[in-house]
PDB file of N, CA and C in Angstrom:
ATOM      1  N   MET A   1     -30.186 -28.549  28.533  1.00  0.00           N
ATOM      2  CA  MET A   1     -31.694 -28.024  28.536  1.00  0.00           C
ATOM      3  C   MET A   1     -32.593 -29.282  28.567  1.00  0.00           C
ATOM      4  N   THR A   2     -33.216 -29.413  29.280  1.00  0.00           N
ATOM      5  CA  THR A   2     -34.361 -30.187  29.498  1.00  0.00           C
ATOM      6  C   THR A   2     -35.238 -30.648  28.132  1.00  0.00           C
ATOM      7  N   LEU A   3     -35.922 -31.296  28.159  1.00  0.00           N
ATOM      8  CA  LEU A   3     -37.160 -31.482  27.221  1.00  0.00           C
ATOM      9  C   LEU A   3     -37.923 -30.642  27.010  1.00  0.00           C
ATOM     10  N   PHE A   4     -38.598 -30.016  27.901  1.00  0.00           N
ATOM     11  CA  PHE A   4     -39.569 -29.434  27.783  1.00  0.00           C
ATOM     12  C   PHE A   4     -38.997 -27.526  27.399  1.00  0.00           C
ATOM     13  N   SER A   5     -37.809 -27.406  27.693  1.00  0.00           N
ATOM     14  CA  SER A   5     -37.017 -26.422  27.251  1.00  0.00           C
ATOM     15  C   SER A   5     -36.845 -26.306  25.735  1.00  0.00           C
ATOM     16  N   HIS A   6     -36.326 -27.346  25.459  1.00  0.00           N
ATOM     17  CA  HIS A   6     -36.582 -27.513  23.777  1.00  0.00           C
ATOM     18  C   HIS A   6     -37.478 -27.783  23.267  1.00  0.00           C
ATOM     19  N   ILE A   7     -38.607 -28.012  23.649  1.00  0.00           N
ATOM     20  CA  ILE A   7     -39.897 -27.713  23.289  1.00  0.00           C
ATOM     21  C   ILE A   7     -40.241 -25.928  23.305  1.00  0.00           C
ATOM     22  N   VAL A   8     -40.092 -25.779  24.068  1.00  0.00           N
ATOM     23  CA  VAL A   8     -40.271 -24.032  24.267  1.00  0.00           C
ATOM     24  C   VAL A   8     -39.178 -23.356  23.260  1.00  0.00           C
ATOM     25  N   ALA A   9     -38.153 -23.790  23.098  1.00  0.00           N
ATOM     26  CA  ALA A   9     -37.059 -22.845  22.355  1.00  0.00           C
ATOM     27  C   ALA A   9     -37.709 -23.129  20.971  1.00  0.00           C
ATOM     28  N   LEU A  10     -38.369 -24.451  20.273  1.00  0.00           N
ATOM     29  CA  LEU A  10     -39.062 -24.532  18.921  1.00  0.00           C
ATOM     30  C   LEU A  10     -38.832 -23.357  18.055  1.00  0.00           C
ATOM     31  N   PRO A  11     -40.036 -22.473  18.551  1.00  0.00           N
ATOM     32  CA  PRO A  11     -40.656 -21.472  18.006  1.00  0.00           C
ATOM     33  C   PRO A  11     -39.541 -20.300  17.657  1.00  0.00           C
ATOM     34  N   VAL A  12     -38.870 -20.169  18.492  1.00  0.00           N
ATOM     35  CA  VAL A  12     -37.355 -18.951  18.701  1.00  0.00           C
ATOM     36  C   VAL A  12     -35.910 -19.978  17.680  1.00  0.00           C
ATOM     37  N   ARG A  13     -36.112 -21.114  17.653  1.00  0.00           N
ATOM     38  CA  ARG A  13     -35.650 -21.590  16.157  1.00  0.00           C
ATOM     39  C   ARG A  13     -36.072 -21.138  14.948  1.00  0.00           C
ATOM     40  N   ALA A  14     -37.216 -21.467  15.376  1.00  0.00           N
ATOM     41  CA  ALA A  14     -38.177 -20.951  13.672  1.00  0.00           C
ATOM     42  C   ALA A  14     -38.156 -19.763  13.334  1.00  0.00           C
ATOM     43  N   TYR A  15     -38.258 -18.909  14.470  1.00  0.00           N
ATOM     44  CA  TYR A  15     -38.116 -17.285  14.178  1.00  0.00           C
ATOM     45  C   TYR A  15     -37.005 -17.428  13.346  1.00  0.00           C
ATOM     46  N   ARG A  16     -35.386 -17.978  14.092  1.00  0.00           N
ATOM     47  CA  ARG A  16     -34.301 -17.694  13.555  1.00  0.00           C
ATOM     48  C   ARG A  16     -34.484 -18.148  11.942  1.00  0.00           C
ATOM     49  N   LEU A  17     -34.735 -19.318  11.988  1.00  0.00           N
ATOM     50  CA  LEU A  17     -34.380 -19.553  10.304  1.00  0.00           C
ATOM     51  C   LEU A  17     -35.501 -18.713   9.465  1.00  0.00           C
ATOM     52  N   VAL A  18     -36.479 -18.719  10.081  1.00  0.00           N
ATOM     53  CA  VAL A  18     -37.601 -18.118   8.832  1.00  0.00           C
ATOM     54  C   VAL A  18     -37.416 -16.649   8.885  1.00  0.00           C
ATOM     55  N   PHE A  19     -37.871 -15.988   9.784  1.00  0.00           N
ATOM     56  CA  PHE A  19     -38.262 -14.440   9.912  1.00  0.00           C
ATOM     57  C   PHE A  19     -36.888 -13.706   9.908  1.00  0.00           C
ATOM     58  N   SER A  20     -35.757 -14.373  10.935  1.00  0.00           N
ATOM     59  CA  SER A  20     -34.499 -13.549  11.079  1.00  0.00           C
ATOM     60  C   SER A  20     -33.877 -13.331   9.757  1.00  0.00           C
ATOM     61  N   PRO A  21     -33.791 -14.249   8.666  1.00  0.00           N
ATOM     62  CA  PRO A  21     -32.850 -13.209   7.608  1.00  0.00           C
ATOM     63  C   PRO A  21     -33.781 -12.235   6.737  1.00  0.00           C
ATOM     64  N   TRP A  22     -34.956 -12.477   6.803  1.00  0.00           N
ATOM     65  CA  TRP A  22     -35.943 -11.201   6.503  1.00  0.00           C
ATOM     66  C   TRP A  22     -35.958  -9.495   6.971  1.00  0.00           C
ATOM     67  N   VAL A  23     -35.633 -10.076   8.208  1.00  0.00           N
ATOM     68  CA  VAL A  23     -35.699  -8.572   9.219  1.00  0.00           C
ATOM     69  C   VAL A  23     -34.609  -8.032   9.049  1.00  0.00           C
ATOM     70  N   GLY A  24     -33.542  -8.949   9.103  1.00  0.00           N
ATOM     71  CA  GLY A  24     -31.833  -8.129   9.191  1.00  0.00           C
ATOM     72  C   GLY A  24     -31.583  -8.350  10.533  1.00  0.00           C
ATOM     73  N   PHE A  25     -30.306  -7.375  10.627  1.00  0.00           N
ATOM     74  CA  PHE A  25     -29.592  -7.462  12.122  1.00  0.00           C
ATOM     75  C   PHE A  25     -30.297  -5.986  12.400  1.00  0.00           C
ATOM     76  N   ASN A  26     -31.083  -5.752  13.136  1.00  0.00           N
ATOM     77  CA  ASN A  26     -31.509  -4.480  13.851  1.00  0.00           C
ATOM     78  C   ASN A  26     -31.626  -4.456  15.183  1.00  0.00           C
ATOM     79  N   CYS A  27     -31.292  -5.234  16.075  1.00  0.00           N
ATOM     80  CA  CYS A  27     -31.472  -5.930  17.647  1.00  0.00           C
ATOM     81  C   CYS A  27     -30.659  -4.594  18.085  1.00  0.00           C
ATOM     82  N   ARG A  28     -31.067  -3.831  19.248  1.00  0.00           N
ATOM     83  CA  ARG A  28     -31.002  -3.005  19.936  1.00  0.00           C
ATOM     84  C   ARG A  28     -29.820  -3.545  21.118  1.00  0.00           C
ATOM     85  N   TYR A  29     -30.280  -4.784  21.607  1.00  0.00           N
ATOM     86  CA  TYR A  29     -29.198  -5.451  22.193  1.00  0.00           C
ATOM     87  C   TYR A  29     -27.841  -5.870  21.467  1.00  0.00           C
ATOM     88  N   GLN A  30     -27.090  -6.883  22.401  1.00  0.00           N
ATOM     89  CA  GLN A  30     -25.583  -7.968  22.293  1.00  0.00           C
ATOM     90  C   GLN A  30     -25.859  -8.548  23.641  1.00  0.00           C
ATOM     91  N   PRO A  31     -26.493  -9.958  23.343  1.00  0.00           N
ATOM     92  CA  PRO A  31     -26.344 -10.627  21.923  1.00  0.00           C
ATOM     93  C   PRO A  31     -28.399 -10.024  21.805  1.00  0.00           C
ATOM     94  N   THR A  32     -28.201 -10.768  20.183  1.00  0.00           N
ATOM     95  CA  THR A  32     -29.946 -10.352  20.081  1.00  0.00           C
ATOM     96  C   THR A  32     -30.930 -11.029  21.065  1.00  0.00           C
ATOM     97  N   CYS A  33     -32.214 -11.013  20.820  1.00  0.00           N
ATOM     98  CA  CYS A  33     -33.356 -11.650  21.655  1.00  0.00           C
ATOM     99  C   CYS A  33     -33.506 -13.116  21.761  1.00  0.00           C
ATOM    100  N   SER A  34     -32.901 -13.267  20.040  1.00  0.00           N
ATOM    101  CA  SER A  34     -33.432 -14.622  20.233  1.00  0.00           C
ATOM    102  C   SER A  34     -32.399 -15.615  20.417  1.00  0.00           C
ATOM    103  N   ALA A  35     -30.908 -15.158  20.265  1.00  0.00           N
ATOM    104  CA  ALA A  35     -29.822 -15.867  21.009  1.00  0.00           C
ATOM    105  C   ALA A  35     -30.414 -15.780  22.518  1.00  0.00           C
ATOM    106  N   TYR A  36     -30.398 -14.221  22.771  1.00  0.00           N
ATOM    107  CA  TYR A  36     -30.799 -14.008  24.442  1.00  0.00           C
ATOM    108  C   TYR A  36     -31.529 -15.498  24.890  1.00  0.00           C
ATOM    109  N   ALA A  37     -33.095 -15.647  24.359  1.00  0.00           N
ATOM    110  CA  ALA A  37     -33.725 -16.479  24.881  1.00  0.00           C
ATOM    111  C   ALA A  37     -33.254 -17.665  24.975  1.00  0.00           C
ATOM    112  N   LEU A  38     -32.389 -18.810  23.650  1.00  0.00           N
ATOM    113  CA  LEU A  38     -31.682 -19.360  23.527  1.00  0.00           C
ATOM    114  C   LEU A  38     -30.781 -20.010  24.828  1.00  0.00           C
ATOM    115  N   GLU A  39     -30.216 -18.866  24.820  1.00  0.00           N
ATOM    116  CA  GLU A  39     -29.577 -18.807  26.227  1.00  0.00           C
ATOM    117  C   GLU A  39     -29.820 -18.784  27.715  1.00  0.00           C
ATOM    118  N   ALA A  40     -30.777 -18.451  27.850  1.00  0.00           N
ATOM    119  CA  ALA A  40     -31.550 -18.550  28.968  1.00  0.00           C
ATOM    120  C   ALA A  40     -32.151 -19.677  29.275  1.00  0.00           C
ATOM    121  N   LEU A  41     -32.823 -20.137  28.035  1.00  0.00           N
ATOM    122  CA  LEU A  41     -33.584 -21.576  28.197  1.00  0.00           C
ATOM    123  C   LEU A  41     -32.676 -22.063  28.647  1.00  0.00           C
ATOM    124  N   GLU A  42     -31.629 -22.712  28.589  1.00  0.00           N
ATOM    125  CA  GLU A  42     -30.322 -23.387  28.148  1.00  0.00           C
ATOM    126  C   GLU A  42     -29.747 -23.395  29.997  1.00  0.00           C
ATOM    127  N   LYS A  43     -29.800 -22.224  30.291  1.00  0.00           N
ATOM    128  CA  LYS A  43     -29.167 -21.558  31.576  1.00  0.00           C
ATOM    129  C   LYS A  43     -30.163 -21.674  32.650  1.00  0.00           C
ATOM    130  N   HIS A  44     -31.579 -21.185  32.588  1.00  0.00           N
ATOM    131  CA  HIS A  44     -32.690 -21.260  33.715  1.00  0.00           C
ATOM    132  C   HIS A  44     -33.651 -22.571  33.414  1.00  0.00           C
ATOM    133  N   GLY A  45     -33.945 -23.444  32.604  1.00  0.00           N
ATOM    134  CA  GLY A  45     -35.164 -24.258  32.084  1.00  0.00           C
ATOM    135  C   GLY A  45     -36.222 -22.802  31.523  1.00  0.00           C
ATOM    136  N   ALA A  46     -36.871 -24.187  31.407  1.00  0.00           N
ATOM    137  CA  ALA A  46     -37.921 -23.259  30.365  1.00  0.00           C
ATOM    138  C   ALA A  46     -39.374 -22.246  31.537  1.00  0.00           C
ATOM    139  N   ILE A  47     -38.963 -22.570  32.580  1.00  0.00           N
ATOM    140  CA  ILE A  47     -40.108 -21.321  33.411  1.00  0.00           C
ATOM    141  C   ILE A  47     -39.366 -20.359  33.387  1.00  0.00           C
ATOM    142  N   LYS A  48     -38.300 -20.464  34.388  1.00  0.00           N
ATOM    143  CA  LYS A  48     -37.448 -18.501  34.136  1.00  0.00           C
ATOM    144  C   LYS A  48     -37.064 -18.215  32.702  1.00  0.00           C
ATOM    145  N   GLY A  49     -36.462 -19.230  31.983  1.00  0.00           N
ATOM    146  CA  GLY A  49     -35.834 -19.245  30.544  1.00  0.00           C
ATOM    147  C   GLY A  49     -36.369 -17.978  30.310  1.00  0.00           C
ATOM    148  N   SER A  50     -38.182 -18.887  29.895  1.00  0.00           N
ATOM    149  CA  SER A  50     -39.368 -17.981  29.281  1.00  0.00           C
ATOM    150  C   SER A  50     -39.335 -16.728  29.973  1.00  0.00           C
ATOM    151  N   TRP A  51     -39.330 -16.589  31.390  1.00  0.00           N
ATOM    152  CA  TRP A  51     -39.595 -14.976  31.823  1.00  0.00           C
ATOM    153  C   TRP A  51     -38.580 -14.059  31.419  1.00  0.00           C
ATOM    154  N   LEU A  52     -37.456 -14.618  31.648  1.00  0.00           N
ATOM    155  CA  LEU A  52     -36.572 -13.477  31.245  1.00  0.00           C
ATOM    156  C   LEU A  52     -36.165 -13.222  29.935  1.00  0.00           C
ATOM    157  N   ALA A  53     -36.795 -14.368  28.892  1.00  0.00           N
ATOM    158  CA  ALA A  53     -36.941 -13.838  27.680  1.00  0.00           C
ATOM    159  C   ALA A  53     -37.835 -13.092  27.256  1.00  0.00           C
ATOM    160  N   ALA A  54     -39.279 -13.007  27.602  1.00  0.00           N
ATOM    161  CA  ALA A  54     -40.409 -12.303  27.560  1.00  0.00           C
ATOM    162  C   ALA A  54     -39.696 -10.945  27.969  1.00  0.00           C
ATOM    163  N   ARG A  55     -39.239 -10.574  29.152  1.00  0.00           N
ATOM    164  CA  ARG A  55     -38.983  -9.299  30.040  1.00  0.00           C
ATOM    165  C   ARG A  55     -38.170  -8.527  29.288  1.00  0.00           C
ATOM    166  N   ARG A  56     -37.386  -9.536  28.164  1.00  0.00           N
ATOM    167  CA  ARG A  56     -35.925  -8.742  27.431  1.00  0.00           C
ATOM    168  C   ARG A  56     -36.649  -8.184  26.256  1.00  0.00           C
ATOM    169  N   ILE A  57     -37.881  -8.975  25.435  1.00  0.00           N
ATOM    170  CA  ILE A  57     -38.445  -8.507  24.775  1.00  0.00           C
ATOM    171  C   ILE A  57     -39.014  -7.477  24.673  1.00  0.00           C
ATOM    172  N   GLY A  58     -39.467  -7.400  26.164  1.00  0.00           N
ATOM    173  CA  GLY A  58     -40.488  -6.146  26.312  1.00  0.00           C
ATOM    174  C   GLY A  58     -39.611  -4.605  26.901  1.00  0.00           C
ATOM    175  N   ARG A  59     -38.466  -5.143  26.859  1.00  0.00           N
ATOM    176  CA  ARG A  59     -37.329  -3.758  26.937  1.00  0.00           C
ATOM    177  C   ARG A  59     -36.823  -3.318  25.852  1.00  0.00           C
ATOM    178  N   CYS A  60     -37.335  -4.218  24.535  1.00  0.00           N
ATOM    179  CA  CYS A  60     -37.258  -4.056  23.167  1.00  0.00           C
ATOM    180  C   CYS A  60     -37.760  -2.791  22.762  1.00  0.00           C
ATOM    181  N   HIS A  61     -38.118  -1.688  22.923  1.00  0.00           N
ATOM    182  CA  HIS A  61     -38.746  -0.658  22.228  1.00  0.00           C
ATOM    183  C   HIS A  61     -38.061   0.753  22.065  1.00  0.00           C
ATOM    184  N   PRO A  62     -38.908   1.824  21.667  1.00  0.00           N
ATOM    185  CA  PRO A  62     -37.603   2.782  21.228  1.00  0.00           C
ATOM    186  C   PRO A  62     -37.685   3.527  22.063  1.00  0.00           C
ATOM    187  N   TRP A  63     -37.730   3.741  23.304  1.00  0.00           N
ATOM    188  CA  TRP A  63     -37.752   4.037  24.648  1.00  0.00           C
ATOM    189  C   TRP A  63     -36.919   3.477  25.775  1.00  0.00           C
ATOM    190  N   GLY A  64     -36.742   2.215  25.307  1.00  0.00           N
ATOM    191  CA  GLY A  64     -36.232   1.230  25.905  1.00  0.00           C
ATOM    192  C   GLY A  64     -34.076   1.428  25.764  1.00  0.00           C
ATOM    193  N   GLY A  65     -33.543   0.772  26.259  1.00  0.00           N
ATOM    194  CA  GLY A  65     -32.287   0.444  26.561  1.00  0.00           C
ATOM    195  C   GLY A  65     -31.561  -0.294  25.493  1.00  0.00           C
ATOM    196  N   ASP A  66     -30.238  -0.190  25.349  1.00  0.00           N
ATOM    197  CA  ASP A  66     -29.662  -1.050  24.365  1.00  0.00           C
ATOM    198  C   ASP A  66     -28.525  -1.177  24.757  1.00  0.00           C
ATOM    199  N   GLY A  67     -27.501  -1.823  23.880  1.00  0.00           N
ATOM    200  CA  GLY A  67     -25.864  -1.982  24.267  1.00  0.00           C
ATOM    201  C   GLY A  67     -26.024  -4.044  24.571  1.00  0.00           C
ATOM    202  N   TYR A  68     -25.135  -4.113  25.557  1.00  0.00           N
ATOM    203  CA  TYR A  68     -24.537  -5.305  26.164  1.00  0.00           C
ATOM    204  C   TYR A  68     -25.904  -5.691  27.602  1.00  0.00           C
ATOM    205  N   ASP A  69     -26.073  -6.775  27.163  1.00  0.00           N
ATOM    206  CA  ASP A  69     -27.063  -7.304  28.070  1.00  0.00           C
ATOM    207  C   ASP A  69     -27.296  -8.768  28.174  1.00  0.00           C
ATOM    208  N   PRO A  70     -26.390  -9.261  28.820  1.00  0.00           N
ATOM    209  CA  PRO A  70     -25.959 -11.039  29.127  1.00  0.00           C
ATOM    210  C   PRO A  70     -27.373 -11.573  29.532  1.00  0.00           C
ATOM    211  N   VAL A  71     -27.593 -12.724  29.692  1.00  0.00           N
ATOM    212  CA  VAL A  71     -28.537 -13.661  30.514  1.00  0.00           C
ATOM    213  C   VAL A  71     -27.782 -13.576  31.702  1.00  0.00           C
ATOM    214  N   PRO A  72     -28.212 -13.533  32.935  1.00  0.00           N
ATOM    215  CA  PRO A  72     -27.511 -13.596  34.118  1.00  0.00           C
ATOM    216  C   PRO A  72     -27.989 -14.909  34.589  1.00  0.00           C
ATOM    217  N   ASP A  73     -26.067 -15.290  35.685  1.00  0.00           N
ATOM    218  CA  ASP A  73     -26.089 -16.450  35.683  1.00  0.00           C
ATOM    219  C   ASP A  73     -27.100 -16.816  37.064  1.00  0.00           C
ATOM    220  N   ARG A  74     -27.166 -18.128  37.075  1.00  0.00           N
ATOM    221  CA  ARG A  74     -27.758 -19.169  38.289  1.00  0.00           C
ATOM    222  C   ARG A  74     -27.845 -18.759  39.137  1.00  0.00           C
ATOM    223  N   LYS A  75     -28.296 -18.494  40.336  1.00  0.00           N
ATOM    224  CA  LYS A  75     -27.910 -18.292  41.620  1.00  0.00           C
ATOM    225  C   LYS A  75     -27.252 -19.225  42.368  1.00  0.00           C
ATOM    226  N   ASP A  76     -27.823 -20.436  41.931  1.00  0.00           N
ATOM    227  CA  ASP A  76     -27.049 -21.651  42.778  1.00  0.00           C
ATOM    228  C   ASP A  76     -25.334 -22.017  41.551  1.00  0.00           C
ATOM    229  N   ASP A  77     -25.052 -21.102  41.059  1.00  0.00           N
ATOM    230  CA  ASP A  77     -23.665 -21.380  40.571  1.00  0.00           C
ATOM    231  C   ASP A  77     -22.705 -20.597  41.220  1.00  0.00           C
ATOM    232  N   ILE A  78     -23.183 -19.579  41.862  1.00  0.00           N
ATOM    233  CA  ILE A  78     -22.062 -18.793  42.773  1.00  0.00           C
ATOM    234  C   ILE A  78     -21.778 -19.359  43.686  1.00  0.00           C
ATOM    235  N   GLY A  79     -20.573 -19.157  43.631  1.00  0.00           N
ATOM    236  CA  GLY A  79     -19.716 -19.484  45.160  1.00  0.00           C
ATOM    237  C   GLY A  79     -18.775 -20.839  44.539  1.00  0.00           C
TER     238      GLY A  79
END
């Protein structure tokens, strides 16, 4: 993970440390949105990882989906 990705991940880590225990396990997706965000930042970097995390959080609403939704692999890792 790049330095910029580590910096972008700080609010996610703070959420997991401070707010997540109070909210409880209510995520519609597996892995949870915060775990998805950290994995997306690690795999794709700060810009694309943030975009993927924002899209995932945007899908988390009563009319959205649920179930297993993994972080997509990098295109250059295929083959």
